[in-house]
C-alpha atoms as a PDB file:
ATOM      1  CA  MET A   1       0.561  29.544 -80.316  1.00  0.00           C
ATOM      2  CA  LYS A   2       0.098  33.323 -79.120  1.00  0.00           C
ATOM      3  CA  THR A   3       0.672  35.792 -81.940  1.00  0.00           C
ATOM      4  CA  GLU A   4       2.168  39.170 -80.380  1.00  0.00           C
ATOM      5  CA  SER A   5       0.906  42.521 -81.477  1.00  0.00           C
ATOM      6  CA  GLN A   6       3.706  45.072 -82.571  1.00  0.00           C
ATOM      7  CA  LEU A   7       4.296  47.976 -80.218  1.00  0.00           C
ATOM      8  CA  ILE A   8       4.702  50.706 -82.428  1.00  0.00           C
ATOM      9  CA  GLU A   9       6.119  54.082 -81.029  1.00  0.00           C
ATOM     10  CA  ILE A  10       5.083  57.211 -82.273  1.00  0.00           C
ATOM     11  CA  GLU A  11       6.490  60.429 -82.480  1.00  0.00           C
ATOM     12  CA  THR A  12       3.619  63.168 -81.949  1.00  0.00           C
ATOM     13  CA  VAL A  13       4.426  66.301 -84.069  1.00  0.00           C
ATOM     14  CA  LYS A  14       1.099  67.066 -86.039  1.00  0.00           C
ATOM     15  CA  PRO A  15      -1.701  68.727 -83.467  1.00  0.00           C
ATOM     16  CA  LYS A  16      -5.433  66.961 -84.007  1.00  0.00           C
ATOM     17  CA  ILE A  17      -7.480  69.269 -86.332  1.00  0.00           C
ATOM     18  CA  VAL A  18     -10.860  70.232 -85.179  1.00  0.00           C
ATOM     19  CA  VAL A  19     -13.463  71.767 -88.200  1.00  0.00           C
ATOM     20  CA  TYR A  20     -16.191  73.872 -87.994  1.00  0.00           C
ATOM     21  CA  THR A  21     -18.235  74.242 -91.064  1.00  0.00           C
ATOM     22  CA  ASP A  22     -21.055  76.883 -92.222  1.00  0.00           C
ATOM     23  CA  ILE A  23     -20.952  79.651 -89.839  1.00  0.00           C
ATOM     24  CA  SER A  24     -23.298  82.715 -90.568  1.00  0.00           C
ATOM     25  CA  TYR A  25     -21.011  85.641 -90.179  1.00  0.00           C
ATOM     26  CA  SER A  26     -22.774  88.431 -92.046  1.00  0.00           C
ATOM     27  CA  GLN A  27     -26.541  88.730 -93.580  1.00  0.00           C
ATOM     28  CA  PRO A  28     -25.763  91.716 -95.991  1.00  0.00           C
ATOM     29  CA  TYR A  29     -29.064  92.890 -97.500  1.00  0.00           C
ATOM     30  CA  ASP A  30     -29.825  93.899-101.240  1.00  0.00           C
ATOM     31  CA  PRO A  31     -33.093  95.856-102.006  1.00  0.00           C
ATOM     32  CA  TYR A  32     -33.430  93.807-105.365  1.00  0.00           C
ATOM     33  CA  PHE A  33     -31.866  90.540-104.234  1.00  0.00           C
ATOM     34  CA  GLY A  34     -32.291  90.774-100.864  1.00  0.00           C
ATOM     35  CA  ILE A  35     -30.846  88.966 -97.752  1.00  0.00           C
ATOM     36  CA  THR A  36     -26.897  86.872 -98.135  1.00  0.00           C
ATOM     37  CA  ASN A  37     -26.183  84.700 -95.238  1.00  0.00           C
ATOM     38  CA  LEU A  38     -22.434  84.558 -95.641  1.00  0.00           C
ATOM     39  CA  LYS A  39     -20.528  81.602 -93.735  1.00  0.00           C
ATOM     40  CA  LEU A  40     -17.244  80.374 -92.913  1.00  0.00           C
ATOM     41  CA  ASP A  41     -15.709  77.456 -91.955  1.00  0.00           C
ATOM     42  CA  ILE A  42     -13.105  76.881 -89.742  1.00  0.00           C
ATOM     43  CA  LEU A  43     -10.040  74.472 -89.241  1.00  0.00           C
ATOM     44  CA  LYS A  44      -8.511  75.143 -85.670  1.00  0.00           C
ATOM     45  CA  PRO A  45      -5.558  73.147 -84.456  1.00  0.00           C
ATOM     46  CA  GLU A  46      -5.883  72.017 -80.530  1.00  0.00           C
ATOM     47  CA  ILE A  47      -2.652  73.474 -79.041  1.00  0.00           C
ATOM     48  CA  GLU A  48      -3.446  74.151 -75.346  1.00  0.00           C
ATOM     49  CA  ASN A  49      -2.105  77.070 -73.708  1.00  0.00           C
ATOM     50  CA  LYS A  50      -1.752  79.069 -76.596  1.00  0.00           C
ATOM     51  CA  LYS A  51      -3.227  81.691 -78.481  1.00  0.00           C
ATOM     52  CA  LEU A  52      -2.881  80.849 -82.315  1.00  0.00           C
ATOM     53  CA  PRO A  53      -2.154  83.380 -84.706  1.00  0.00           C
ATOM     54  CA  LEU A  54      -5.260  83.374 -88.135  1.00  0.00           C
ATOM     55  CA  VAL A  55      -5.029  82.706 -91.417  1.00  0.00           C
ATOM     56  CA  ILE A  56      -8.388  83.888 -93.315  1.00  0.00           C
ATOM     57  CA  TYR A  57      -8.300  81.919 -96.667  1.00  0.00           C
ATOM     58  CA  ILE A  58     -10.306  83.655 -99.785  1.00  0.00           C
ATOM     59  CA  PRO A  59     -11.136  81.298-102.518  1.00  0.00           C
ATOM     60  CA  GLY A  60     -10.977  82.312-106.326  1.00  0.00           C
ATOM     61  CA  GLY A  61     -13.423  82.194-108.516  1.00  0.00           C
ATOM     62  CA  GLY A  62     -13.722  85.010-111.022  1.00  0.00           C
ATOM     63  CA  PHE A  63     -16.128  87.052-109.032  1.00  0.00           C
ATOM     64  CA  MET A  64     -18.651  84.759-109.831  1.00  0.00           C
ATOM     65  CA  ARG A  65     -18.132  82.032-107.005  1.00  0.00           C
ATOM     66  CA  SER A  66     -16.706  81.822-103.512  1.00  0.00           C
ATOM     67  CA  PRO A  67     -16.345  78.498-103.026  1.00  0.00           C
ATOM     68  CA  LYS A  68     -14.878  78.096 -99.563  1.00  0.00           C
ATOM     69  CA  ALA A  69     -13.923  73.797 -99.550  1.00  0.00           C
ATOM     70  CA  ASN A  70     -11.143  74.863-101.943  1.00  0.00           C
ATOM     71  CA  TYR A  71      -7.997  74.225-101.525  1.00  0.00           C
ATOM     72  CA  ILE A  72      -7.773  71.918 -98.584  1.00  0.00           C
ATOM     73  CA  GLN A  73      -4.130  70.245 -98.413  1.00  0.00           C
ATOM     74  CA  GLN A  74      -2.178  74.039 -98.457  1.00  0.00           C
ATOM     75  CA  LYS A  75      -5.019  74.588 -95.424  1.00  0.00           C
ATOM     76  CA  VAL A  76      -5.041  71.364 -93.674  1.00  0.00           C
ATOM     77  CA  THR A  77      -0.795  71.743 -93.722  1.00  0.00           C
ATOM     78  CA  ILE A  78      -1.413  75.636 -92.830  1.00  0.00           C
ATOM     79  CA  ALA A  79      -3.768  74.536 -89.632  1.00  0.00           C
ATOM     80  CA  GLU A  80      -1.122  71.747 -88.848  1.00  0.00           C
ATOM     81  CA  SER A  81       1.444  74.193 -88.733  1.00  0.00           C
ATOM     82  CA  GLY A  82       0.125  76.010 -85.404  1.00  0.00           C
ATOM     83  CA  PHE A  83      -2.461  78.331 -87.319  1.00  0.00           C
ATOM     84  CA  VAL A  84      -6.233  78.876 -87.004  1.00  0.00           C
ATOM     85  CA  VAL A  85      -7.532  78.737 -90.648  1.00  0.00           C
ATOM     86  CA  ALA A  86     -10.896  80.235 -91.598  1.00  0.00           C
ATOM     87  CA  SER A  87     -12.295  79.862 -95.410  1.00  0.00           C
ATOM     88  CA  VAL A  88     -14.757  82.728 -96.015  1.00  0.00           C
ATOM     89  CA  GLU A  89     -17.464  82.925 -98.640  1.00  0.00           C
ATOM     90  CA  TYR A  90     -18.298  87.022-100.157  1.00  0.00           C
ATOM     91  CA  ARG A  91     -20.455  87.936-102.196  1.00  0.00           C
ATOM     92  CA  VAL A  92     -20.441  87.226-105.795  1.00  0.00           C
ATOM     93  CA  LEU A  93     -21.600  88.089-109.115  1.00  0.00           C
ATOM     94  CA  PRO A  94     -24.863  89.374-109.881  1.00  0.00           C
ATOM     95  CA  ILE A  95     -25.479  90.254-106.222  1.00  0.00           C
ATOM     96  CA  GLY A  96     -21.941  92.093-105.363  1.00  0.00           C
ATOM     97  CA  LYS A  97     -19.745  94.442-107.248  1.00  0.00           C
ATOM     98  CA  PHE A  98     -17.107  96.537-105.928  1.00  0.00           C
ATOM     99  CA  PRO A  99     -16.782  97.238-102.579  1.00  0.00           C
ATOM    100  CA  ASP A 100     -19.319  94.591-101.640  1.00  0.00           C
ATOM    101  CA  SER A 101     -16.976  91.564-101.418  1.00  0.00           C
ATOM    102  CA  LEU A 102     -14.199  93.694 -99.843  1.00  0.00           C
ATOM    103  CA  ILE A 103     -16.750  94.861 -97.149  1.00  0.00           C
ATOM    104  CA  ASP A 104     -17.572  90.947 -96.646  1.00  0.00           C
ATOM    105  CA  ILE A 105     -13.869  90.220 -96.190  1.00  0.00           C
ATOM    106  CA  LYS A 106     -13.166  92.985 -93.556  1.00  0.00           C
ATOM    107  CA  SER A 107     -16.601  91.777 -91.612  1.00  0.00           C
ATOM    108  CA  ALA A 108     -15.382  88.357 -91.548  1.00  0.00           C
ATOM    109  CA  ILE A 109     -12.722  90.047 -89.957  1.00  0.00           C
ATOM    110  CA  ARG A 110     -14.124  91.666 -87.595  1.00  0.00           C
ATOM    111  CA  TYR A 111     -16.760  88.748 -87.079  1.00  0.00           C
ATOM    112  CA  LEU A 112     -13.487  86.089 -86.222  1.00  0.00           C
ATOM    113  CA  LYS A 113     -11.814  89.164 -83.463  1.00  0.00           C
ATOM    114  CA  ALA A 114     -15.052  89.205 -81.895  1.00  0.00           C
ATOM    115  CA  HIS A 115     -15.168  85.114 -81.330  1.00  0.00           C
ATOM    116  CA  ALA A 116     -11.472  84.533 -80.540  1.00  0.00           C
ATOM    117  CA  GLU A 117     -11.971  83.140 -77.219  1.00  0.00           C
ATOM    118  CA  GLN A 118     -14.529  80.781 -79.104  1.00  0.00           C
ATOM    119  CA  PHE A 119     -11.798  79.557 -81.743  1.00  0.00           C
ATOM    120  CA  ASN A 120      -8.539  80.065 -79.783  1.00  0.00           C
ATOM    121  CA  ILE A 121      -7.539  82.902 -81.722  1.00  0.00           C
ATOM    122  CA  ASP A 122      -4.819  85.501 -81.452  1.00  0.00           C
ATOM    123  CA  LYS A 123      -6.884  88.319 -82.858  1.00  0.00           C
ATOM    124  CA  ASN A 124      -3.240  90.640 -82.921  1.00  0.00           C
ATOM    125  CA  LYS A 125      -2.103  88.255 -85.197  1.00  0.00           C
ATOM    126  CA  VAL A 126      -4.050  87.909 -88.632  1.00  0.00           C
ATOM    127  CA  ILE A 127      -3.367  87.435 -92.305  1.00  0.00           C
ATOM    128  CA  VAL A 128      -5.520  87.007 -95.269  1.00  0.00           C
ATOM    129  CA  MET A 129      -4.987  84.698 -97.738  1.00  0.00           C
ATOM    130  CA  GLY A 130      -6.553  84.495-101.154  1.00  0.00           C
ATOM    131  CA  GLU A 131      -5.915  83.098-104.985  1.00  0.00           C
ATOM    132  CA  SER A 132      -6.866  84.926-108.182  1.00  0.00           C
ATOM    133  CA  ALA A 133     -10.140  87.094-107.222  1.00  0.00           C
ATOM    134  CA  GLY A 134      -9.141  85.916-103.382  1.00  0.00           C
ATOM    135  CA  GLY A 135      -6.020  86.737-104.222  1.00  0.00           C
ATOM    136  CA  TYR A 136      -7.161  90.430-105.230  1.00  0.00           C
ATOM    137  CA  LEU A 137      -9.363  90.637-102.120  1.00  0.00           C
ATOM    138  CA  ALA A 138      -6.617  89.451-100.366  1.00  0.00           C
ATOM    139  CA  ALA A 139      -4.193  92.264-101.655  1.00  0.00           C
ATOM    140  CA  ILE A 140      -6.626  95.291-101.738  1.00  0.00           C
ATOM    141  CA  THR A 141      -8.040  94.468 -97.762  1.00  0.00           C
ATOM    142  CA  GLY A 142      -4.253  94.673 -97.222  1.00  0.00           C
ATOM    143  CA  THR A 143      -3.632  98.235 -99.163  1.00  0.00           C
ATOM    144  CA  THR A 144      -6.944  99.335 -97.167  1.00  0.00           C
ATOM    145  CA  ASN A 145      -5.394  98.697 -93.772  1.00  0.00           C
ATOM    146  CA  GLY A 146      -6.403 101.053 -91.198  1.00  0.00           C
ATOM    147  CA  SER A 147      -8.860 102.376 -93.185  1.00  0.00           C
ATOM    148  CA  ILE A 148     -12.643 102.428 -91.665  1.00  0.00           C
ATOM    149  CA  ASP A 149     -14.141 103.531 -95.226  1.00  0.00           C
ATOM    150  CA  PHE A 150     -15.008  99.747 -96.138  1.00  0.00           C
ATOM    151  CA  ASP A 151     -16.072  98.480 -92.464  1.00  0.00           C
ATOM    152  CA  LYS A 152     -19.527  97.651 -92.432  1.00  0.00           C
ATOM    153  CA  GLY A 153     -21.937  95.666 -90.890  1.00  0.00           C
ATOM    154  CA  ASP A 154     -22.326  94.436 -87.542  1.00  0.00           C
ATOM    155  CA  TYR A 155     -19.454  93.948 -84.837  1.00  0.00           C
ATOM    156  CA  LEU A 156     -17.520  97.368 -85.986  1.00  0.00           C
ATOM    157  CA  ASN A 157     -16.322  97.253 -82.077  1.00  0.00           C
ATOM    158  CA  GLU A 158     -13.655  95.140 -83.638  1.00  0.00           C
ATOM    159  CA  ASN A 159     -11.048  96.331 -85.963  1.00  0.00           C
ATOM    160  CA  SER A 160     -10.363  94.799 -89.236  1.00  0.00           C
ATOM    161  CA  LEU A 161      -6.662  95.323 -89.012  1.00  0.00           C
ATOM    162  CA  ILE A 162      -4.557  92.660 -90.246  1.00  0.00           C
ATOM    163  CA  ASN A 163      -0.814  91.693 -89.941  1.00  0.00           C
ATOM    164  CA  GLY A 164      -0.138  90.378 -93.347  1.00  0.00           C
ATOM    165  CA  VAL A 165      -1.053  89.204 -96.909  1.00  0.00           C
ATOM    166  CA  VAL A 166      -0.445  86.436 -99.306  1.00  0.00           C
ATOM    167  CA  ASP A 167      -1.568  87.657-102.799  1.00  0.00           C
ATOM    168  CA  LEU A 168      -1.566  84.166-104.781  1.00  0.00           C
ATOM    169  CA  TYR A 169      -1.734  84.641-108.987  1.00  0.00           C
ATOM    170  CA  GLY A 170      -4.348  87.261-107.709  1.00  0.00           C
ATOM    171  CA  ILE A 171      -5.581  90.670-109.519  1.00  0.00           C
ATOM    172  CA  SER A 172      -3.762  94.054-109.101  1.00  0.00           C
ATOM    173  CA  ASP A 173      -5.223  96.243-111.705  1.00  0.00           C
ATOM    174  CA  LEU A 174      -8.960  94.885-113.288  1.00  0.00           C
ATOM    175  CA  THR A 175      -8.230  96.969-116.789  1.00  0.00           C
ATOM    176  CA  LYS A 176      -4.920  94.721-117.279  1.00  0.00           C
ATOM    177  CA  ILE A 177      -5.765  91.571-116.537  1.00  0.00           C
ATOM    178  CA  ALA A 178      -5.008  90.098-120.243  1.00  0.00           C
ATOM    179  CA  ALA A 179      -1.868  92.365-120.368  1.00  0.00           C
ATOM    180  CA  ASP A 180       0.308  89.398-121.023  1.00  0.00           C
ATOM    181  CA  PHE A 181      -1.939  88.088-123.742  1.00  0.00           C
ATOM    182  CA  SER A 182      -3.148  88.090-127.421  1.00  0.00           C
ATOM    183  CA  SER A 183      -5.055  91.198-128.796  1.00  0.00           C
ATOM    184  CA  ILE A 184      -7.941  88.803-128.840  1.00  0.00           C
ATOM    185  CA  ILE A 185      -8.466  87.318-125.294  1.00  0.00           C
ATOM    186  CA  GLN A 186      -7.905  91.359-124.740  1.00  0.00           C
ATOM    187  CA  LYS A 187     -10.499  92.359-126.488  1.00  0.00           C
ATOM    188  CA  THR A 188     -12.818  89.438-124.776  1.00  0.00           C
ATOM    189  CA  HIS A 189     -11.879  91.310-121.405  1.00  0.00           C
ATOM    190  CA  ASN A 190     -13.114  94.679-122.655  1.00  0.00           C
ATOM    191  CA  SER A 191     -16.229  93.495-123.131  1.00  0.00           C
ATOM    192  CA  PRO A 192     -18.924  94.693-120.970  1.00  0.00           C
ATOM    193  CA  SER A 193     -19.676  91.412-119.773  1.00  0.00           C
ATOM    194  CA  SER A 194     -16.536  90.076-118.628  1.00  0.00           C
ATOM    195  CA  PRO A 195     -16.265  89.489-114.546  1.00  0.00           C
ATOM    196  CA  GLU A 196     -13.923  92.328-114.058  1.00  0.00           C
ATOM    197  CA  ALA A 197     -16.602  94.623-115.652  1.00  0.00           C
ATOM    198  CA  ILE A 198     -19.348  93.213-113.914  1.00  0.00           C
ATOM    199  CA  PHE A 199     -17.635  93.205-110.926  1.00  0.00           C
ATOM    200  CA  LEU A 200     -16.755  96.916-111.252  1.00  0.00           C
ATOM    201  CA  ASN A 201     -20.480  99.024-112.956  1.00  0.00           C
ATOM    202  CA  GLY A 202     -22.982  95.979-112.067  1.00  0.00           C
ATOM    203  CA  VAL A 203     -24.871  93.961-114.165  1.00  0.00           C
ATOM    204  CA  SER A 204     -26.507  96.322-117.504  1.00  0.00           C
ATOM    205  CA  VAL A 205     -30.018  95.185-116.880  1.00  0.00           C
ATOM    206  CA  PHE A 206     -30.027  96.819-113.623  1.00  0.00           C
ATOM    207  CA  LYS A 207     -26.914  99.362-113.834  1.00  0.00           C
ATOM    208  CA  GLU A 208     -25.689 101.535-116.099  1.00  0.00           C
ATOM    209  CA  GLY A 209     -22.945  98.333-117.161  1.00  0.00           C
ATOM    210  CA  GLY A 210     -20.151  99.649-119.568  1.00  0.00           C
ATOM    211  CA  SER A 211     -16.615  97.431-120.121  1.00  0.00           C
ATOM    212  CA  VAL A 212     -13.732  97.961-117.183  1.00  0.00           C
ATOM    213  CA  ASN A 213     -12.169 100.503-119.424  1.00  0.00           C
ATOM    214  CA  ALA A 214     -15.438 102.932-119.697  1.00  0.00           C
ATOM    215  CA  ASP A 215     -14.575 104.553-116.322  1.00  0.00           C
ATOM    216  CA  PHE A 216     -10.366 104.753-115.325  1.00  0.00           C
ATOM    217  CA  GLU A 217     -10.959 106.832-112.178  1.00  0.00           C
ATOM    218  CA  LYS A 218     -13.641 104.315-111.308  1.00  0.00           C
ATOM    219  CA  ALA A 219     -11.332 101.551-111.803  1.00  0.00           C
ATOM    220  CA  LYS A 220      -8.445 103.050-110.114  1.00  0.00           C
ATOM    221  CA  LYS A 221     -10.804 103.031-107.025  1.00  0.00           C
ATOM    222  CA  ALA A 222     -11.374  98.852-107.261  1.00  0.00           C
ATOM    223  CA  ASN A 223      -7.192  98.513-107.825  1.00  0.00           C
ATOM    224  CA  PRO A 224      -5.479  97.031-104.935  1.00  0.00           C
ATOM    225  CA  ILE A 225      -2.140  99.388-105.726  1.00  0.00           C
ATOM    226  CA  THR A 226      -4.408 102.901-105.685  1.00  0.00           C
ATOM    227  CA  TYR A 227      -4.722 101.956-101.303  1.00  0.00           C
ATOM    228  CA  ILE A 228      -0.954 101.750-100.889  1.00  0.00           C
ATOM    229  CA  SER A 229       0.026 103.765 -97.383  1.00  0.00           C
ATOM    230  CA  SER A 230       2.364 103.336 -94.218  1.00  0.00           C
ATOM    231  CA  LYS A 231      -0.504 101.144 -92.836  1.00  0.00           C
ATOM    232  CA  THR A 232      -0.211  98.230 -95.133  1.00  0.00           C
ATOM    233  CA  PRO A 233       1.338  94.859 -93.796  1.00  0.00           C
ATOM    234  CA  PRO A 234       3.815  93.216 -95.680  1.00  0.00           C
ATOM    235  CA  PHE A 235       3.019  90.953 -98.719  1.00  0.00           C
ATOM    236  CA  LEU A 236       3.878  87.333-100.065  1.00  0.00           C
ATOM    237  CA  LEU A 237       2.964  87.576-103.775  1.00  0.00           C
ATOM    238  CA  MET A 238       3.108  84.255-105.939  1.00  0.00           C
ATOM    239  CA  HIS A 239       2.214  83.816-109.709  1.00  0.00           C
ATOM    240  CA  GLY A 240       2.893  80.785-112.507  1.00  0.00           C
ATOM    241  CA  THR A 241       5.304  81.721-115.850  1.00  0.00           C
ATOM    242  CA  VAL A 242       2.223  80.144-117.520  1.00  0.00           C
ATOM    243  CA  ASP A 243      -0.564  81.530-116.113  1.00  0.00           C
ATOM    244  CA  MET A 244      -3.052  82.288-119.117  1.00  0.00           C
ATOM    245  CA  LEU A 245      -5.960  83.674-117.148  1.00  0.00           C
ATOM    246  CA  VAL A 246      -4.615  86.142-114.587  1.00  0.00           C
ATOM    247  CA  SER A 247      -1.616  88.196-116.743  1.00  0.00           C
ATOM    248  CA  PRO A 248       1.720  87.350-114.160  1.00  0.00           C
ATOM    249  CA  SER A 249       2.551  91.003-114.977  1.00  0.00           C
ATOM    250  CA  GLN A 250      -0.501  91.899-112.509  1.00  0.00           C
ATOM    251  CA  SER A 251       1.541  90.657-109.485  1.00  0.00           C
ATOM    252  CA  ASP A 252       4.394  92.432-110.833  1.00  0.00           C
ATOM    253  CA  LEU A 253       2.588  95.765-110.799  1.00  0.00           C
ATOM    254  CA  LEU A 254       1.686  95.238-107.222  1.00  0.00           C
ATOM    255  CA  TYR A 255       4.923  94.198-105.800  1.00  0.00           C
ATOM    256  CA  GLN A 256       6.628  97.220-107.618  1.00  0.00           C
ATOM    257  CA  SER A 257       4.608  99.477-106.079  1.00  0.00           C
ATOM    258  CA  LEU A 258       4.745  98.045-102.834  1.00  0.00           C
ATOM    259  CA  ILE A 259       8.747  98.088-102.631  1.00  0.00           C
ATOM    260  CA  GLU A 260       8.750 101.712-104.317  1.00  0.00           C
ATOM    261  CA  ASN A 261       6.280 102.523-101.184  1.00  0.00           C
ATOM    262  CA  ASN A 262       8.658 101.027 -98.435  1.00  0.00           C
ATOM    263  CA  ILE A 263       6.421  97.875 -97.561  1.00  0.00           C
ATOM    264  CA  GLN A 264       7.894  94.609 -96.792  1.00  0.00           C
ATOM    265  CA  ALA A 265       6.809  92.223 -99.591  1.00  0.00           C
ATOM    266  CA  GLU A 266       8.303  89.154-101.377  1.00  0.00           C
ATOM    267  CA  ARG A 267       7.686  87.534-104.664  1.00  0.00           C
ATOM    268  CA  TYR A 268       7.997  84.418-106.297  1.00  0.00           C
ATOM    269  CA  LEU A 269       7.690  83.083-110.077  1.00  0.00           C
ATOM    270  CA  ILE A 270       6.555  79.552-109.866  1.00  0.00           C
ATOM    271  CA  LYS A 271       8.174  78.247-113.349  1.00  0.00           C
ATOM    272  CA  GLY A 272       5.482  76.233-115.417  1.00  0.00           C
ATOM    273  CA  ALA A 273       2.836  76.839-113.407  1.00  0.00           C
ATOM    274  CA  GLY A 274      -0.998  77.947-114.392  1.00  0.00           C
ATOM    275  CA  HIS A 275      -4.094  79.124-112.601  1.00  0.00           C
ATOM    276  CA  GLY A 276      -4.723  76.951-109.883  1.00  0.00           C
ATOM    277  CA  ASP A 277      -2.751  74.221-111.033  1.00  0.00           C
ATOM    278  CA  PHE A 278      -1.288  71.150-109.278  1.00  0.00           C
ATOM    279  CA  HIS A 279       1.848  73.282-108.741  1.00  0.00           C
ATOM    280  CA  TRP A 280       0.206  75.310-105.903  1.00  0.00           C
ATOM    281  CA  CYS A 281       0.143  72.067-103.412  1.00  0.00           C
ATOM    282  CA  GLN A 282       3.447  71.416-103.443  1.00  0.00           C
ATOM    283  CA  PRO A 283       5.455  70.880-100.404  1.00  0.00           C
ATOM    284  CA  LYS A 284       7.435  73.728-101.844  1.00  0.00           C
ATOM    285  CA  VAL A 285       5.242  76.072-102.397  1.00  0.00           C
ATOM    286  CA  ILE A 286       3.600  75.656 -99.275  1.00  0.00           C
ATOM    287  CA  ASN A 287       6.480  75.628 -97.374  1.00  0.00           C
ATOM    288  CA  ILE A 288       7.346  79.321 -98.641  1.00  0.00           C
ATOM    289  CA  ILE A 289       3.949  80.615 -97.327  1.00  0.00           C
ATOM    290  CA  ILE A 290       4.296  78.795 -94.025  1.00  0.00           C
ATOM    291  CA  ASN A 291       7.604  80.602 -93.997  1.00  0.00           C
ATOM    292  CA  PHE A 292       6.055  83.868 -94.242  1.00  0.00           C
ATOM    293  CA  LEU A 293       3.323  82.922 -91.943  1.00  0.00           C
ATOM    294  CA  ASN A 294       5.605  82.288 -89.185  1.00  0.00           C
ATOM    295  CA  LYS A 295       7.747  85.193 -89.869  1.00  0.00           C
ATOM    296  CA  ILE A 296       4.974  87.694 -89.982  1.00  0.00           C
ATOM    297  CA  SER A 297       3.033  86.043 -86.795  1.00  0.00           C
ATOM    298  CA  LYS A 298       6.477  85.815 -84.289  1.00  0.00           C
END
């Protein structure tokens, strides 16, 4: 007796995602460390007859790592929603201090715009998204929007203009990362060996060293709030209420400054969420991000 197979009718609601990995986008040179080969990965939805908006994901890592493979659940969901998603590396300690990593992000933006046809990108619809140190870099990329001061390297015939920022538990003032925490933790962050101090001043064996509070004018130049202008695009900021690495007040500092300068901004506190924990891959959080991306890329 012949057994019949089951015929299933499928509604096609998600595009196929094509992955490109380890694409070299910049090779900055340092007299001491030599050449750094920076790479990016791309998730490209196969959607025909339509240029797609671009989301550039900037990973966190305390300025010491830039693991572009992270955040995979969220990135795939965003790509399935109709966005090309590029994940970028950037220079980290001890090689890169401010503004090296910002220069790298703007280089990645220009590279992707220069290759927009290859990856089916609408280069007039670009959003940067980052978490932790990557949130900081996303924020300062947004607040320096329209400035050419940090545009260095290749593809300078393209601009680094963006249309929006998603800042997830990022830093807004390098001198106040531990503002909500105990005096013991604050003292640790005021050490010349803290990541933010090295990011600002370099490694003391090679450079001048010093704590992040040693030169407030220097720290101010590295803070996203300093650069807010009429060219700053809309922001989505999100922070966990029990974040114990970056004070929740950090994103509020930036949020209040954006509102005071009449920049469109939204801020959400995620109840019970820590720093990059399981809360950040939940559908409710990802949907808030995708709704913002859709609104910005109309």
